Amino acid sequence: MKPAAANPDLTALAVVLRGPEQLELRQLELEAPSETDVLVDMEWSGISTGTERLLWSGRMPDFPGMGYPLVPGYEGVGRIRSGGATAGLAPGQRVFVPGARCFGQVRGLFGSAASRVVLPAARVVPVAEAHAEHSILLALAATAMHAMRVAREVPELIIGHGVLGRLLARLCVLRGKHPVVVWETNPIRRAGGAGYQVCDPAEDARRDYRSICDVSGDSTLLDTLIGRLVLGGEVVLAGFYAAPISFQFPAAFMREARLSIAAQWQSADLREVQAFIDSGELSMAGLLTHSAPASEAPAAYRTAFGDPQCLKMYLDWRKCS
């Protein structure tokens, strides 16, 4: 694909991380779409307090494609402006955008925090008009669904009551096999449990959990979690861990503990969770707590990462398209 600066449709205002804690808004040229691509005017993009916080702070472990400057964001929703001859999607259709790599020399990690993006039509997901900005939560909901697929049993204990923990707990309640407990160390975030218990870990004396799922990203917790397992129980790591993870072998040996890692969601996870959302079985209520115009992105990112009352911050791009 070639840059096409002469076409105003192929420019975008984007969030750019020049380096750790160096965030700015910048006009970027987009690569020209192919016949299988779509051009999307973004409406909203979510700010991830997991991977994006690591990118912003400079603590993200090195992996292929990592580097600055970059456009972050993998939780986007927008409307198709135009599509290639074989894209198969109509202009005006609202879609979920999991990211884009269309910014030339500026990396797309993950690339949805922009007013306009170009990406393959096969990567976008049509979403219901009624869900509007709540559709940015599809990626986290699919991540929660994937963690459940990885686990050998539906988790009985979930660590962390952020948005991902709440979505996972709601999915576990839908499965309805047993009571669900969520640990949360921050008292501000203990409210909002719907059909499940949220407590301070110090108040939970159970040591017979069959399945525990950590979504906190705390690399120091594994010994504690192994100590809460029944014989043959499992710990699923579904957060993203910047520091090395280790555990004491004797306790794990005595419990014949199983350790699993849930990575990137798959298309099957997204399809299943989208069906739950469309049917009304999985509620997205109470998860989007803060929003800001995209023009205020630098302040919005600091709020997202620094305010414990902020579960999910999202940017509104509609005046920037």
Protein backbone atom coordinates (compact mmCIF):
# COMPACT_ATOMS: atom_id res chain seq x y z
CA MET A 1 0.00 0.00 0.00
CA LYS A 2 1.24 3.52 -0.85
CA PRO A 3 0.76 6.75 1.10
CA ALA A 4 -1.86 8.98 -0.50
CA ALA A 5 -1.47 12.36 1.16
CA ALA A 6 -3.40 14.18 -1.63
CA ASN A 7 -6.64 12.49 -0.55
CA PRO A 8 -8.08 14.12 2.61
CA ASP A 9 -10.00 10.92 3.34
CA LEU A 10 -6.65 9.21 3.85
CA THR A 11 -5.48 11.33 6.75
CA ALA A 12 -6.33 10.82 10.40
CA LEU A 13 -5.88 12.41 13.79
CA ALA A 14 -4.32 9.70 15.94
CA VAL A 15 -3.06 9.09 19.45
CA VAL A 16 0.68 8.58 19.14
CA LEU A 17 2.97 7.29 21.86
CA ARG A 18 6.42 8.67 21.02
CA GLY A 19 7.90 6.85 24.01
CA PRO A 20 7.04 6.01 27.62
CA GLU A 21 4.65 8.66 29.00
CA GLN A 22 5.10 10.74 25.83
CA LEU A 23 1.62 10.87 24.33
CA GLU A 24 0.37 13.31 21.72
CA LEU A 25 -2.28 13.78 19.06
CA ARG A 26 -0.85 13.87 15.56
CA GLN A 27 -2.16 14.05 12.00
CA LEU A 28 -1.00 10.97 10.11
CA GLU A 29 -1.22 9.86 6.50
CA LEU A 30 -2.98 6.56 5.98
CA GLU A 31 -1.94 3.89 3.54
CA ALA A 32 -4.26 3.57 0.56
CA PRO A 33 -6.79 0.73 0.86
CA SER A 34 -6.69 -2.31 -1.38
CA GLU A 35 -9.78 -3.90 -2.93
CA THR A 36 -10.16 -6.10 0.17
CA ASP A 37 -9.86 -3.22 2.66
CA VAL A 38 -12.33 -0.83 4.26
CA LEU A 39 -11.92 2.78 5.30
CA VAL A 40 -13.60 3.36 8.67
CA ASP A 41 -14.51 6.62 10.39
CA MET A 42 -14.01 5.89 14.07
CA GLU A 43 -16.69 6.84 16.57
CA TRP A 44 -15.23 5.59 19.85
CA SER A 45 -12.11 3.82 21.10
CA GLY A 46 -11.50 2.33 24.53
CA ILE A 47 -8.34 2.75 26.60
CA SER A 48 -6.98 -0.55 27.94
CA THR A 49 -5.64 -0.44 31.49
CA GLY A 50 -3.70 -3.64 30.80
CA THR A 51 -1.63 -3.67 27.62
CA GLU A 52 -1.96 0.04 26.88
CA ARG A 53 -0.86 0.95 30.39
CA LEU A 54 2.27 -1.15 29.83
CA LEU A 55 2.93 0.57 26.50
CA TRP A 56 2.39 3.99 28.08
CA SER A 57 4.61 3.28 31.08
CA GLY A 58 7.36 1.59 29.06
CA ARG A 59 7.00 -1.69 30.98
CA MET A 60 5.68 -3.72 28.06
CA PRO A 61 7.97 -6.74 27.50
CA ASP A 62 9.64 -6.87 24.11
CA PHE A 63 7.85 -8.87 21.41
CA PRO A 64 7.83 -8.90 17.58
CA GLY A 65 6.56 -5.57 16.25
CA MET A 66 7.12 -3.73 19.53
CA GLY A 67 8.60 -0.24 19.33
CA TYR A 68 7.87 3.48 19.35
CA PRO A 69 6.30 5.63 17.96
CA LEU A 70 3.03 3.73 17.93
CA VAL A 71 -0.72 4.17 17.71
CA PRO A 72 -2.36 2.16 20.53
CA GLY A 73 -5.88 0.81 20.86
CA TYR A 74 -7.67 -2.46 20.11
CA GLU A 75 -11.19 -1.49 21.23
CA GLY A 76 -12.66 0.60 18.44
CA VAL A 77 -16.09 1.17 16.94
CA GLY A 78 -16.81 3.13 13.79
CA ARG A 79 -18.74 3.36 10.54
CA ILE A 80 -17.51 2.23 7.16
CA ARG A 81 -16.86 5.19 4.89
CA SER A 82 -15.93 3.11 1.85
CA GLY A 83 -14.83 -0.37 0.89
CA GLY A 84 -12.79 -2.02 -1.83
CA ALA A 85 -14.38 -3.90 -4.71
CA THR A 86 -14.30 -7.23 -2.85
CA ALA A 87 -14.66 -5.94 0.73
CA GLY A 88 -18.32 -6.93 0.90
CA LEU A 89 -19.39 -4.32 3.46
CA ALA A 90 -21.66 -1.35 2.88
CA PRO A 91 -20.83 2.29 3.65
CA GLY A 92 -22.50 3.45 6.85
CA GLN A 93 -22.35 0.06 8.53
CA ARG A 94 -21.23 0.18 12.16
CA VAL A 95 -18.35 -2.19 12.93
CA PHE A 96 -16.03 -3.22 15.73
CA VAL A 97 -12.38 -2.49 14.89
CA PRO A 98 -9.77 -4.55 16.79
CA GLY A 99 -6.89 -2.40 15.50
CA ALA A 100 -5.18 -1.32 12.29
CA ARG A 101 -1.72 -1.08 10.75
CA CYS A 102 -2.16 1.70 8.25
CA PHE A 103 0.01 4.53 9.61
CA GLY A 104 3.19 4.17 7.56
CA GLN A 105 6.29 4.57 9.72
CA VAL A 106 4.20 4.86 12.90
CA ARG A 107 3.51 1.39 14.24
CA GLY A 108 -0.03 0.22 14.84
CA LEU A 109 0.08 -1.37 18.33
CA PHE A 110 -2.78 -1.94 18.12
CA GLY A 111 -3.94 1.00 16.05
CA SER A 112 -7.61 1.82 16.68
CA ALA A 113 -7.04 5.08 18.60
CA ALA A 114 -7.47 7.29 15.54
CA SER A 115 -10.20 9.25 13.80
CA ARG A 116 -9.99 7.08 10.68
CA VAL A 117 -8.36 3.74 9.85
CA VAL A 118 -7.77 1.40 6.93
CA LEU A 119 -7.83 -2.33 7.55
CA PRO A 120 -8.85 -5.60 5.88
CA ALA A 121 -12.61 -6.07 5.74
CA ALA A 122 -12.14 -9.56 7.15
CA ARG A 123 -10.96 -8.08 10.45
CA VAL A 124 -13.95 -5.87 11.24
CA VAL A 125 -17.08 -7.21 12.93
CA PRO A 126 -20.54 -5.74 12.19
CA VAL A 127 -22.26 -4.71 15.44
CA ALA A 128 -25.81 -3.78 16.39
CA GLU A 129 -26.74 -0.11 16.24
CA ALA A 130 -28.39 -0.33 19.65
CA HIS A 131 -25.15 -1.20 21.44
CA ALA A 132 -23.37 1.96 20.20
CA GLU A 133 -20.25 2.72 22.28
CA HIS A 134 -20.72 -0.42 24.40
CA SER A 135 -19.47 -2.41 21.42
CA ILE A 136 -15.91 -1.31 22.28
CA LEU A 137 -16.15 -3.93 25.06
CA LEU A 138 -16.32 -6.80 22.56
CA ALA A 139 -12.58 -7.43 22.79
CA LEU A 140 -12.62 -7.73 26.58
CA ALA A 141 -15.77 -9.85 26.52
CA ALA A 142 -14.14 -12.18 23.98
CA THR A 143 -11.00 -12.30 26.15
CA ALA A 144 -13.15 -13.37 29.11
CA MET A 145 -14.85 -16.01 26.97
CA HIS A 146 -11.46 -17.31 25.83
CA ALA A 147 -10.28 -17.63 29.43
CA MET A 148 -13.35 -19.75 30.13
CA ARG A 149 -12.56 -21.96 27.12
CA VAL A 150 -8.98 -22.47 28.33
CA ALA A 151 -10.08 -23.39 31.85
CA ARG A 152 -10.90 -27.06 32.38
CA GLU A 153 -13.80 -26.02 34.64
CA VAL A 154 -15.79 -22.81 34.92
CA PRO A 155 -13.76 -20.61 37.31
CA GLU A 156 -15.01 -20.50 40.89
CA LEU A 157 -12.60 -17.72 41.94
CA ILE A 158 -11.65 -14.69 39.84
CA ILE A 159 -8.85 -12.32 40.81
CA GLY A 160 -9.56 -8.67 39.95
CA HIS A 161 -12.82 -6.74 39.63
CA GLY A 162 -11.96 -4.45 36.75
CA VAL A 163 -13.91 -4.63 33.49
CA LEU A 164 -12.37 -7.95 32.42
CA GLY A 165 -13.00 -9.50 35.84
CA ARG A 166 -16.62 -8.29 35.82
CA LEU A 167 -17.26 -9.66 32.35
CA LEU A 168 -15.71 -12.99 33.28
CA ALA A 169 -17.78 -13.16 36.48
CA ARG A 170 -20.97 -12.40 34.53
CA LEU A 171 -20.16 -15.16 32.04
CA CYS A 172 -19.47 -17.60 34.89
CA VAL A 173 -22.83 -16.73 36.44
CA LEU A 174 -24.47 -17.45 33.08
CA ARG A 175 -22.95 -20.93 33.17
CA GLY A 176 -24.63 -21.33 36.56
CA LYS A 177 -22.68 -24.35 37.81
CA HIS A 178 -21.58 -22.96 41.18
CA PRO A 179 -21.24 -19.72 43.17
CA VAL A 180 -18.60 -17.30 41.89
CA VAL A 181 -16.23 -15.34 44.14
CA VAL A 182 -14.14 -12.36 43.03
CA TRP A 183 -11.16 -11.05 44.98
CA GLU A 184 -10.56 -7.31 44.89
CA THR A 185 -7.98 -5.53 47.07
CA ASN A 186 -9.24 -2.02 46.25
CA PRO A 187 -12.39 -1.29 48.32
CA ILE A 188 -13.54 1.28 45.75
CA ARG A 189 -13.94 -1.50 43.19
CA ARG A 190 -15.79 -4.03 45.34
CA ALA A 191 -19.22 -2.66 44.41
CA GLY A 192 -21.11 -3.83 41.36
CA GLY A 193 -21.22 -7.59 41.84
CA ALA A 194 -24.31 -8.94 40.10
CA GLY A 195 -25.04 -12.53 41.11
CA TYR A 196 -21.59 -13.12 42.55
CA GLN A 197 -19.62 -12.22 45.69
CA VAL A 198 -16.82 -9.63 45.72
CA CYS A 199 -14.56 -9.61 48.76
CA ASP A 200 -11.19 -8.70 50.22
CA PRO A 201 -8.89 -11.73 49.79
CA ALA A 202 -8.17 -11.62 53.53
CA GLU A 203 -11.83 -12.36 54.22
CA ASP A 204 -11.89 -15.57 52.16
CA ALA A 205 -10.79 -18.69 54.04
CA ARG A 206 -11.52 -21.23 51.28
CA ARG A 207 -8.71 -23.55 50.21
CA ASP A 208 -10.65 -25.91 47.98
CA TYR A 209 -11.17 -24.02 44.72
CA ARG A 210 -11.18 -26.25 41.65
CA SER A 211 -10.56 -23.45 39.18
CA ILE A 212 -9.07 -19.99 39.77
CA CYS A 213 -8.67 -17.37 37.02
CA ASP A 214 -6.39 -14.37 37.51
CA VAL A 215 -7.10 -11.30 35.38
CA SER A 216 -5.22 -8.84 37.60
CA GLY A 217 -1.83 -9.13 35.89
CA ASP A 218 -0.14 -9.37 39.31
CA SER A 219 2.91 -11.58 38.79
CA THR A 220 3.43 -12.11 42.55
CA LEU A 221 0.16 -13.94 43.25
CA LEU A 222 0.82 -17.45 41.97
CA ASP A 223 1.97 -18.99 45.27
CA THR A 224 -1.09 -17.53 47.02
CA LEU A 225 -3.45 -18.90 44.38
CA ILE A 226 -1.86 -22.36 44.34
CA GLY A 227 -2.37 -22.45 48.12
CA ARG A 228 -6.13 -22.03 47.59
CA LEU A 229 -6.52 -25.00 45.22
CA VAL A 230 -8.06 -28.38 45.84
CA LEU A 231 -6.00 -31.42 44.80
CA GLY A 232 -5.72 -31.31 41.00
CA GLY A 233 -7.05 -27.76 40.81
CA GLU A 234 -6.10 -25.27 38.12
CA VAL A 235 -4.91 -21.68 37.95
CA VAL A 236 -5.58 -19.88 34.65
CA LEU A 237 -3.47 -16.79 33.97
CA ALA A 238 -5.58 -14.48 31.82
CA GLY A 239 -3.93 -11.13 32.58
CA PHE A 240 -0.81 -9.72 30.92
CA TYR A 241 2.31 -9.96 33.09
CA ALA A 242 5.20 -7.55 32.71
CA ALA A 243 7.39 -9.27 35.32
CA PRO A 244 8.59 -12.89 35.40
CA ILE A 245 6.26 -15.35 37.10
CA SER A 246 7.58 -18.01 39.50
CA PHE A 247 6.20 -20.31 42.19
CA GLN A 248 7.37 -22.54 45.00
CA PHE A 249 7.34 -26.11 43.78
CA PRO A 250 6.47 -28.05 47.00
CA ALA A 251 2.97 -26.58 47.45
CA ALA A 252 2.19 -27.02 43.75
CA PHE A 253 3.53 -30.59 43.91
CA MET A 254 1.38 -31.49 46.92
CA ARG A 255 -1.74 -30.22 45.15
CA GLU A 256 -0.83 -31.57 41.70
CA ALA A 257 -1.67 -28.07 40.54
CA ARG A 258 -2.37 -27.31 36.90
CA LEU A 259 -1.27 -24.03 35.33
CA SER A 260 -2.82 -22.71 32.10
CA ILE A 261 -2.36 -19.48 30.15
CA ALA A 262 -5.14 -17.80 28.20
CA ALA A 263 -3.78 -15.70 25.34
CA GLN A 264 -5.46 -13.84 22.49
CA TRP A 265 -9.19 -14.33 21.92
CA GLN A 266 -10.23 -16.16 18.78
CA SER A 267 -13.05 -15.51 16.33
CA ALA A 268 -15.16 -18.27 17.92
CA ASP A 269 -14.91 -16.50 21.29
CA LEU A 270 -16.08 -13.24 19.79
CA ARG A 271 -18.99 -14.84 17.93
CA GLU A 272 -20.22 -16.63 21.05
CA VAL A 273 -19.96 -13.64 23.34
CA GLN A 274 -21.57 -11.37 20.74
CA ALA A 275 -24.56 -13.73 20.67
CA PHE A 276 -24.85 -13.44 24.46
CA ILE A 277 -24.74 -9.63 24.19
CA ASP A 278 -27.24 -9.45 21.34
CA SER A 279 -29.66 -11.70 23.21
CA GLY A 280 -29.40 -9.58 26.36
CA GLU A 281 -28.06 -12.46 28.45
CA LEU A 282 -24.70 -10.72 28.97
CA SER A 283 -25.12 -7.19 30.28
CA MET A 284 -22.59 -4.45 29.53
CA ALA A 285 -24.19 -2.10 32.06
CA GLY A 286 -21.98 -0.17 34.47
CA LEU A 287 -18.69 -0.88 32.69
CA LEU A 288 -18.15 2.33 30.69
CA THR A 289 -17.60 4.84 33.48
CA HIS A 290 -15.66 7.69 31.86
CA SER A 291 -15.49 9.31 28.43
CA ALA A 292 -13.70 12.26 26.87
CA PRO A 293 -13.47 13.95 23.48
CA ALA A 294 -10.53 12.59 21.51
CA SER A 295 -9.04 16.09 21.59
CA GLU A 296 -8.47 15.56 25.33
CA ALA A 297 -6.70 12.23 24.90
CA PRO A 298 -3.54 13.02 26.95
CA ALA A 299 -5.60 13.85 30.05
CA ALA A 300 -7.97 10.92 29.39
CA TYR A 301 -5.12 8.42 29.37
CA ARG A 302 -3.84 9.71 32.70
CA THR A 303 -7.31 9.40 34.20
CA ALA A 304 -7.70 5.88 32.82
CA PHE A 305 -4.43 4.78 34.41
CA GLY A 306 -4.54 6.81 37.61
CA ASP A 307 -8.13 7.06 38.86
CA PRO A 308 -9.29 3.89 40.71
CA GLN A 309 -12.92 4.88 40.11
CA CYS A 310 -12.34 4.74 36.35
CA LEU A 311 -13.22 1.23 35.16
CA LYS A 312 -13.18 2.06 31.46
CA MET A 313 -12.33 5.33 29.75
CA TYR A 314 -13.20 5.75 26.09
CA LEU A 315 -12.50 8.49 23.55
CA ASP A 316 -15.16 10.05 21.33
CA TRP A 317 -13.82 10.63 17.79
CA ARG A 318 -17.04 11.76 16.14
CA LYS A 319 -16.02 15.43 15.91
CA CYS A 320 -12.62 14.48 14.48
CA SER A 321 -13.74 12.41 11.46
